[in-house]
Amino acid sequence: MNNAVLNRAKIGNKVTVMGDSDTKFSSGKIVFPGEKLCVLEEFMPGEGTFEENGNVYSKLVGRVLYDFVSRKVLVIPLRKVVNIPKQGMVVYAVVSTTKDDVAFTKIFSAEKGIVFSGTFTGILHVSQISNNYVKVVTDAIKVGDIVKAKVLTPWNPFQLTTRGTKLGVIYAFCSKCGTPLVKRRTKLQCPHCGNVESRKISSDYMLSGGRRI
C-alpha cells in the first residue's frame, strides 16, 4: 500500500485526497465486493480492486480511495469486522418485488444468529425456486414472504436458490386479509378467512396447525 497516498489527508475514519475537486469520486465511502467503482478510462485498478469488461470493482469490504495523482482507485480493508452474505451461506430475506421470472429480495440475516451490516439485495430466479417446475415466480413466492435461501454468488446483488427441503418460504401472509398463513399438509391456509395458498414451503415453516383446509 502506498503510505504517501494514504497520509495525504485523514479526517476521522475518512480518507481523502488533498486538492480533489471531483465530487463524483468521493473517497472514504464504504464499498462491498462486486460494487462498481469507476471505468478504466477514469482510474486504473489498484489494491483491493479488480477489472472486468472495462469496469473497476471492489473485491473486498473497505473504504474506497481515489488517487488523483497516480489515477488509481484502491480499497482499504476495514479493521472492524463487517458481516456480509457469503457464497454458500444460508440466509433469510424478505421478498420485495416479483416479476414472472425473478424475485427481488432484501437479505437481512443468516443462520447461527448472524446479523448483517446493512441490507443486501438477493435475486431469486424462477429456475432456482424449486427442483420441480415453476412456471412463474408468483406460483411459489409472493411479495412480503420471508424466505430461507442459499447464496450462490460472492457479490452484491447476490444470486439465491431455494431448492431443497429446508429452503423456501418460512413465513407468509394471506393475500386476501394479511393474516399470517399456517402450514397445513402441503398448503398454507389463513386461520382468519380460510383462504388457501400455494408456496414453495420450507420444512422449517414457522407456523403449523391441524387438518383444516
C-alpha atoms as a PDB file:
ATOM      1  CA  MET A   1       0.000   0.000   0.000  1.00  0.00           C
ATOM      2  CA  ASN A   2       1.275   3.486  -0.882  1.00  0.00           C
ATOM      3  CA  ASN A   3       1.567   5.194   2.543  1.00  0.00           C
ATOM      4  CA  ALA A   4       2.341   8.559   0.964  1.00  0.00           C
ATOM      5  CA  VAL A   5      -1.053   8.430  -0.732  1.00  0.00           C
ATOM      6  CA  LEU A   6      -2.906   7.323   2.396  1.00  0.00           C
ATOM      7  CA  ASN A   7      -1.314  10.013   4.535  1.00  0.00           C
ATOM      8  CA  ARG A   8      -2.295  12.940   2.340  1.00  0.00           C
ATOM      9  CA  ALA A   9      -5.328  13.698   4.468  1.00  0.00           C
ATOM     10  CA  LYS A  10      -7.235  11.822   7.151  1.00  0.00           C
ATOM     11  CA  ILE A  11     -10.413  13.172   8.723  1.00  0.00           C
ATOM     12  CA  GLY A  12     -11.746  10.730  11.332  1.00  0.00           C
ATOM     13  CA  ASN A  13     -12.161   7.415   9.566  1.00  0.00           C
ATOM     14  CA  LYS A  14     -12.496   9.082   6.184  1.00  0.00           C
ATOM     15  CA  VAL A  15      -9.507   9.130   3.851  1.00  0.00           C
ATOM     16  CA  THR A  16      -9.442  11.871   1.229  1.00  0.00           C
ATOM     17  CA  VAL A  17      -7.029  13.174  -1.376  1.00  0.00           C
ATOM     18  CA  MET A  18      -5.976  16.799  -0.973  1.00  0.00           C
ATOM     19  CA  GLY A  19      -6.867  19.011  -3.890  1.00  0.00           C
ATOM     20  CA  ASP A  20      -9.571  16.701  -5.199  1.00  0.00           C
ATOM     21  CA  SER A  21     -12.486  18.742  -6.541  1.00  0.00           C
ATOM     22  CA  ASP A  22     -14.253  15.940  -8.428  1.00  0.00           C
ATOM     23  CA  THR A  23     -17.298  15.185  -6.243  1.00  0.00           C
ATOM     24  CA  LYS A  24     -18.270  12.222  -8.439  1.00  0.00           C
ATOM     25  CA  PHE A  25     -15.420  10.222  -6.876  1.00  0.00           C
ATOM     26  CA  SER A  26     -15.793  10.514  -3.124  1.00  0.00           C
ATOM     27  CA  SER A  27     -13.037   8.822  -1.134  1.00  0.00           C
ATOM     28  CA  GLY A  28     -13.895   7.300   2.232  1.00  0.00           C
ATOM     29  CA  LYS A  29     -17.177   5.637   1.251  1.00  0.00           C
ATOM     30  CA  ILE A  30     -17.605   2.037   2.451  1.00  0.00           C
ATOM     31  CA  VAL A  31     -17.868  -0.342  -0.516  1.00  0.00           C
ATOM     32  CA  PHE A  32     -18.630  -4.040  -0.832  1.00  0.00           C
ATOM     33  CA  PRO A  33     -17.385  -6.903  -3.057  1.00  0.00           C
ATOM     34  CA  GLY A  34     -18.599  -6.526  -6.625  1.00  0.00           C
ATOM     35  CA  GLU A  35     -19.518  -2.849  -6.247  1.00  0.00           C
ATOM     36  CA  LYS A  36     -18.593  -0.793  -9.327  1.00  0.00           C
ATOM     37  CA  LEU A  37     -16.099   1.971  -8.581  1.00  0.00           C
ATOM     38  CA  CYS A  38     -15.344   3.506 -11.991  1.00  0.00           C
ATOM     39  CA  VAL A  39     -14.379   2.689 -15.582  1.00  0.00           C
ATOM     40  CA  LEU A  40     -10.813   2.143 -16.776  1.00  0.00           C
ATOM     41  CA  GLU A  41     -10.754   5.485 -18.589  1.00  0.00           C
ATOM     42  CA  GLU A  42     -11.205   7.205 -15.212  1.00  0.00           C
ATOM     43  CA  PHE A  43      -8.957   5.215 -12.849  1.00  0.00           C
ATOM     44  CA  MET A  44      -6.732   2.134 -13.070  1.00  0.00           C
ATOM     45  CA  PRO A  45      -7.379  -0.741 -10.619  1.00  0.00           C
ATOM     46  CA  GLY A  46      -5.216  -0.703  -7.503  1.00  0.00           C
ATOM     47  CA  GLU A  47      -5.084  -2.801  -4.341  1.00  0.00           C
ATOM     48  CA  GLY A  48      -8.390  -4.335  -3.266  1.00  0.00           C
ATOM     49  CA  THR A  49      -9.985  -3.963  -6.714  1.00  0.00           C
ATOM     50  CA  PHE A  50     -10.338  -5.890  -9.961  1.00  0.00           C
ATOM     51  CA  GLU A  51     -11.153  -5.039 -13.563  1.00  0.00           C
ATOM     52  CA  GLU A  52     -13.757  -6.727 -15.735  1.00  0.00           C
ATOM     53  CA  ASN A  53     -15.046  -5.634 -19.153  1.00  0.00           C
ATOM     54  CA  GLY A  54     -13.577  -2.160 -18.775  1.00  0.00           C
ATOM     55  CA  ASN A  55     -15.069  -1.547 -15.321  1.00  0.00           C
ATOM     56  CA  VAL A  56     -13.265  -1.493 -11.968  1.00  0.00           C
ATOM     57  CA  TYR A  57     -14.917  -3.225  -8.990  1.00  0.00           C
ATOM     58  CA  SER A  58     -14.172  -3.668  -5.309  1.00  0.00           C
ATOM     59  CA  LYS A  59     -13.103  -7.178  -4.273  1.00  0.00           C
ATOM     60  CA  LEU A  60     -13.437  -6.666  -0.522  1.00  0.00           C
ATOM     61  CA  VAL A  61     -15.239  -4.698   2.178  1.00  0.00           C
ATOM     62  CA  GLY A  62     -13.436  -1.459   2.838  1.00  0.00           C
ATOM     63  CA  ARG A  63     -13.124   2.277   2.189  1.00  0.00           C
ATOM     64  CA  VAL A  64     -12.565   3.401  -1.372  1.00  0.00           C
ATOM     65  CA  LEU A  65      -9.681   5.771  -2.162  1.00  0.00           C
ATOM     66  CA  TYR A  66      -9.443   7.619  -5.467  1.00  0.00           C
ATOM     67  CA  ASP A  67      -5.829   8.699  -6.017  1.00  0.00           C
ATOM     68  CA  PHE A  68      -5.914  11.596  -8.458  1.00  0.00           C
ATOM     69  CA  VAL A  69      -2.099  11.714  -8.702  1.00  0.00           C
ATOM     70  CA  SER A  70      -1.485   8.146  -9.882  1.00  0.00           C
ATOM     71  CA  ARG A  71      -5.023   7.855 -11.336  1.00  0.00           C
ATOM     72  CA  LYS A  72      -5.612   4.656  -9.377  1.00  0.00           C
ATOM     73  CA  VAL A  73      -8.545   3.536  -7.260  1.00  0.00           C
ATOM     74  CA  LEU A  74      -7.867   1.430  -4.155  1.00  0.00           C
ATOM     75  CA  VAL A  75      -9.994  -0.202  -1.466  1.00  0.00           C
ATOM     76  CA  ILE A  76      -8.580  -0.111   2.047  1.00  0.00           C
ATOM     77  CA  PRO A  77      -9.811  -3.045   4.187  1.00  0.00           C
ATOM     78  CA  LEU A  78     -11.862  -2.150   7.238  1.00  0.00           C
ATOM     79  CA  ARG A  79     -10.280  -3.133  10.509  1.00  0.00           C
ATOM     80  CA  LYS A  80     -13.667  -3.778  12.074  1.00  0.00           C
ATOM     81  CA  VAL A  81     -15.369  -6.998  11.002  1.00  0.00           C
ATOM     82  CA  VAL A  82     -18.357  -6.276   8.783  1.00  0.00           C
ATOM     83  CA  ASN A  83     -20.817  -9.094   8.239  1.00  0.00           C
ATOM     84  CA  ILE A  84     -21.948  -9.540   4.637  1.00  0.00           C
ATOM     85  CA  PRO A  85     -23.521 -12.535   2.865  1.00  0.00           C
ATOM     86  CA  LYS A  86     -21.023 -15.097   1.626  1.00  0.00           C
ATOM     87  CA  GLN A  87     -21.249 -17.756  -1.073  1.00  0.00           C
ATOM     88  CA  GLY A  88     -22.719 -20.963   0.350  1.00  0.00           C
ATOM     89  CA  MET A  89     -24.292 -19.205   3.346  1.00  0.00           C
ATOM     90  CA  VAL A  90     -27.932 -19.868   4.250  1.00  0.00           C
ATOM     91  CA  VAL A  91     -29.689 -16.532   4.678  1.00  0.00           C
ATOM     92  CA  TYR A  92     -33.083 -15.045   5.463  1.00  0.00           C
ATOM     93  CA  ALA A  93     -34.673 -12.472   3.161  1.00  0.00           C
ATOM     94  CA  VAL A  94     -37.973 -10.721   2.582  1.00  0.00           C
ATOM     95  CA  VAL A  95     -39.402 -10.663  -0.935  1.00  0.00           C
ATOM     96  CA  SER A  96     -39.719  -7.043  -2.092  1.00  0.00           C
ATOM     97  CA  THR A  97     -40.644  -7.314  -5.796  1.00  0.00           C
ATOM     98  CA  THR A  98     -41.595 -10.089  -8.216  1.00  0.00           C
ATOM     99  CA  LYS A  99     -41.659 -10.498 -11.976  1.00  0.00           C
ATOM    100  CA  ASP A 100     -42.670 -13.583 -13.945  1.00  0.00           C
ATOM    101  CA  ASP A 101     -39.137 -14.966 -13.966  1.00  0.00           C
ATOM    102  CA  VAL A 102     -37.426 -13.421 -10.926  1.00  0.00           C
ATOM    103  CA  ALA A 103     -37.976 -12.301  -7.337  1.00  0.00           C
ATOM    104  CA  PHE A 104     -36.001  -9.491  -5.721  1.00  0.00           C
ATOM    105  CA  THR A 105     -35.358  -9.816  -2.008  1.00  0.00           C
ATOM    106  CA  LYS A 106     -33.764  -7.920   0.860  1.00  0.00           C
ATOM    107  CA  ILE A 107     -31.331 -10.140   2.775  1.00  0.00           C
ATOM    108  CA  PHE A 108     -31.260  -9.218   6.463  1.00  0.00           C
ATOM    109  CA  SER A 109     -29.702 -12.119   8.414  1.00  0.00           C
ATOM    110  CA  ALA A 110     -28.313 -15.650   8.255  1.00  0.00           C
ATOM    111  CA  GLU A 111     -28.191 -18.889  10.184  1.00  0.00           C
ATOM    112  CA  LYS A 112     -26.362 -19.041  13.527  1.00  0.00           C
ATOM    113  CA  GLY A 113     -27.711 -15.644  14.541  1.00  0.00           C
ATOM    114  CA  ILE A 114     -25.622 -13.649  12.046  1.00  0.00           C
ATOM    115  CA  VAL A 115     -26.958 -10.119  11.527  1.00  0.00           C
ATOM    116  CA  PHE A 116     -25.614  -8.259   8.514  1.00  0.00           C
ATOM    117  CA  SER A 117     -24.105  -4.776   8.497  1.00  0.00           C
ATOM    118  CA  GLY A 118     -26.902  -3.446   6.309  1.00  0.00           C
ATOM    119  CA  THR A 119     -29.470  -4.815   3.892  1.00  0.00           C
ATOM    120  CA  PHE A 120     -28.324  -6.623   0.751  1.00  0.00           C
ATOM    121  CA  THR A 121     -30.184  -7.437  -2.446  1.00  0.00           C
ATOM    122  CA  GLY A 122     -30.855 -11.066  -3.277  1.00  0.00           C
ATOM    123  CA  ILE A 123     -32.069 -12.241  -6.686  1.00  0.00           C
ATOM    124  CA  LEU A 124     -34.047 -15.483  -6.941  1.00  0.00           C
ATOM    125  CA  HIS A 125     -34.591 -16.726 -10.495  1.00  0.00           C
ATOM    126  CA  VAL A 126     -37.667 -18.842 -11.190  1.00  0.00           C
ATOM    127  CA  SER A 127     -35.414 -21.773 -12.155  1.00  0.00           C
ATOM    128  CA  GLN A 128     -33.819 -21.687  -8.677  1.00  0.00           C
ATOM    129  CA  ILE A 129     -37.039 -21.752  -6.655  1.00  0.00           C
ATOM    130  CA  SER A 130     -37.685 -25.495  -6.645  1.00  0.00           C
ATOM    131  CA  ASN A 131     -36.473 -28.803  -8.006  1.00  0.00           C
ATOM    132  CA  ASN A 132     -39.960 -29.060  -9.520  1.00  0.00           C
ATOM    133  CA  TYR A 133     -41.042 -26.915 -12.458  1.00  0.00           C
ATOM    134  CA  VAL A 134     -42.337 -23.458 -11.565  1.00  0.00           C
ATOM    135  CA  LYS A 135     -43.967 -21.544 -14.421  1.00  0.00           C
ATOM    136  CA  VAL A 136     -43.958 -18.057 -12.861  1.00  0.00           C
ATOM    137  CA  VAL A 137     -42.470 -16.804  -9.608  1.00  0.00           C
ATOM    138  CA  THR A 138     -45.819 -15.943  -8.006  1.00  0.00           C
ATOM    139  CA  ASP A 139     -46.907 -19.584  -8.253  1.00  0.00           C
ATOM    140  CA  ALA A 140     -44.417 -20.275  -5.449  1.00  0.00           C
ATOM    141  CA  ILE A 141     -43.354 -16.987  -3.838  1.00  0.00           C
ATOM    142  CA  LYS A 142     -45.117 -13.663  -3.243  1.00  0.00           C
ATOM    143  CA  VAL A 143     -44.183 -10.147  -2.124  1.00  0.00           C
ATOM    144  CA  GLY A 144     -43.884  -9.969   1.665  1.00  0.00           C
ATOM    145  CA  ASP A 145     -42.872 -13.619   2.098  1.00  0.00           C
ATOM    146  CA  ILE A 146     -39.842 -14.374   4.238  1.00  0.00           C
ATOM    147  CA  VAL A 147     -37.626 -16.982   2.600  1.00  0.00           C
ATOM    148  CA  LYS A 148     -34.762 -19.150   3.732  1.00  0.00           C
ATOM    149  CA  ALA A 149     -32.290 -19.328   0.843  1.00  0.00           C
ATOM    150  CA  LYS A 150     -28.738 -20.285  -0.053  1.00  0.00           C
ATOM    151  CA  VAL A 151     -26.296 -17.749  -1.530  1.00  0.00           C
ATOM    152  CA  LEU A 152     -24.887 -18.836  -4.900  1.00  0.00           C
ATOM    153  CA  THR A 153     -22.538 -15.955  -5.754  1.00  0.00           C
ATOM    154  CA  PRO A 154     -19.967 -13.907  -3.782  1.00  0.00           C
ATOM    155  CA  TRP A 155     -21.061 -10.425  -4.880  1.00  0.00           C
ATOM    156  CA  ASN A 156     -23.953  -7.999  -4.436  1.00  0.00           C
ATOM    157  CA  PRO A 157     -26.658  -8.391  -5.738  1.00  0.00           C
ATOM    158  CA  PHE A 158     -26.452 -11.989  -4.533  1.00  0.00           C
ATOM    159  CA  GLN A 159     -27.949 -14.822  -6.579  1.00  0.00           C
ATOM    160  CA  LEU A 160     -30.046 -17.118  -4.373  1.00  0.00           C
ATOM    161  CA  THR A 161     -31.623 -20.561  -4.517  1.00  0.00           C
ATOM    162  CA  THR A 162     -34.465 -22.096  -2.519  1.00  0.00           C
ATOM    163  CA  ARG A 163     -34.053 -25.576  -3.977  1.00  0.00           C
ATOM    164  CA  GLY A 164     -34.019 -28.217  -1.266  1.00  0.00           C
ATOM    165  CA  THR A 165     -36.320 -29.380   1.523  1.00  0.00           C
ATOM    166  CA  LYS A 166     -35.193 -26.918   4.186  1.00  0.00           C
ATOM    167  CA  LEU A 167     -35.137 -23.919   1.847  1.00  0.00           C
ATOM    168  CA  GLY A 168     -38.130 -21.883   0.736  1.00  0.00           C
ATOM    169  CA  VAL A 169     -40.833 -19.760   2.358  1.00  0.00           C
ATOM    170  CA  ILE A 170     -40.732 -19.838   6.161  1.00  0.00           C
ATOM    171  CA  TYR A 171     -43.342 -17.135   6.849  1.00  0.00           C
ATOM    172  CA  ALA A 172     -46.101 -15.748   4.620  1.00  0.00           C
ATOM    173  CA  PHE A 173     -49.224 -13.609   4.766  1.00  0.00           C
ATOM    174  CA  CYS A 174     -52.705 -14.111   3.377  1.00  0.00           C
ATOM    175  CA  SER A 175     -53.157 -12.360   0.027  1.00  0.00           C
ATOM    176  CA  LYS A 176     -56.763 -11.504   0.956  1.00  0.00           C
ATOM    177  CA  CYS A 177     -56.678 -10.275   4.565  1.00  0.00           C
ATOM    178  CA  GLY A 178     -52.980 -10.077   5.529  1.00  0.00           C
ATOM    179  CA  THR A 179     -53.135 -12.620   8.368  1.00  0.00           C
ATOM    180  CA  PRO A 180     -50.037 -14.867   8.779  1.00  0.00           C
ATOM    181  CA  LEU A 181     -50.607 -18.166   6.970  1.00  0.00           C
ATOM    182  CA  VAL A 182     -50.467 -21.525   8.733  1.00  0.00           C
ATOM    183  CA  LYS A 183     -48.942 -24.632   7.153  1.00  0.00           C
ATOM    184  CA  ARG A 184     -51.475 -27.429   6.735  1.00  0.00           C
ATOM    185  CA  ARG A 185     -50.296 -30.502   4.807  1.00  0.00           C
ATOM    186  CA  THR A 186     -48.653 -29.201   1.620  1.00  0.00           C
ATOM    187  CA  LYS A 187     -50.501 -25.850   1.516  1.00  0.00           C
ATOM    188  CA  LEU A 188     -50.754 -22.656   3.522  1.00  0.00           C
ATOM    189  CA  GLN A 189     -54.100 -21.577   4.947  1.00  0.00           C
ATOM    190  CA  CYS A 190     -55.329 -18.377   6.556  1.00  0.00           C
ATOM    191  CA  PRO A 191     -56.743 -19.095  10.032  1.00  0.00           C
ATOM    192  CA  HIS A 192     -58.899 -15.964   9.769  1.00  0.00           C
ATOM    193  CA  CYS A 193     -60.652 -16.121   6.368  1.00  0.00           C
ATOM    194  CA  GLY A 194     -59.850 -19.710   5.326  1.00  0.00           C
ATOM    195  CA  ASN A 195     -58.039 -18.697   2.111  1.00  0.00           C
ATOM    196  CA  VAL A 196     -55.701 -21.456   0.837  1.00  0.00           C
ATOM    197  CA  GLU A 197     -52.476 -20.555  -0.962  1.00  0.00           C
ATOM    198  CA  SER A 198     -49.542 -22.353  -2.583  1.00  0.00           C
ATOM    199  CA  ARG A 199     -45.888 -21.645  -1.879  1.00  0.00           C
ATOM    200  CA  LYS A 200     -42.526 -23.346  -2.185  1.00  0.00           C
ATOM    201  CA  ILE A 201     -42.651 -24.145   1.539  1.00  0.00           C
ATOM    202  CA  SER A 202     -39.572 -24.786   3.670  1.00  0.00           C
ATOM    203  CA  SER A 203     -39.697 -27.704   6.089  1.00  0.00           C
ATOM    204  CA  ASP A 204     -38.801 -25.067   8.693  1.00  0.00           C
ATOM    205  CA  TYR A 205     -42.001 -23.066   8.083  1.00  0.00           C
ATOM    206  CA  MET A 206     -42.702 -21.210  11.317  1.00  0.00           C
ATOM    207  CA  LEU A 207     -46.479 -21.716  11.759  1.00  0.00           C
ATOM    208  CA  SER A 208     -48.256 -25.053  11.502  1.00  0.00           C
ATOM    209  CA  GLY A 209     -51.668 -26.307  12.509  1.00  0.00           C
ATOM    210  CA  GLY A 210     -54.283 -29.053  12.237  1.00  0.00           C
ATOM    211  CA  ARG A 211     -56.103 -30.583   9.273  1.00  0.00           C
ATOM    212  CA  ARG A 212     -58.418 -27.733   8.299  1.00  0.00           C
ATOM    213  CA  ILE A 213     -58.350 -26.987   4.531  1.00  0.00           C
END
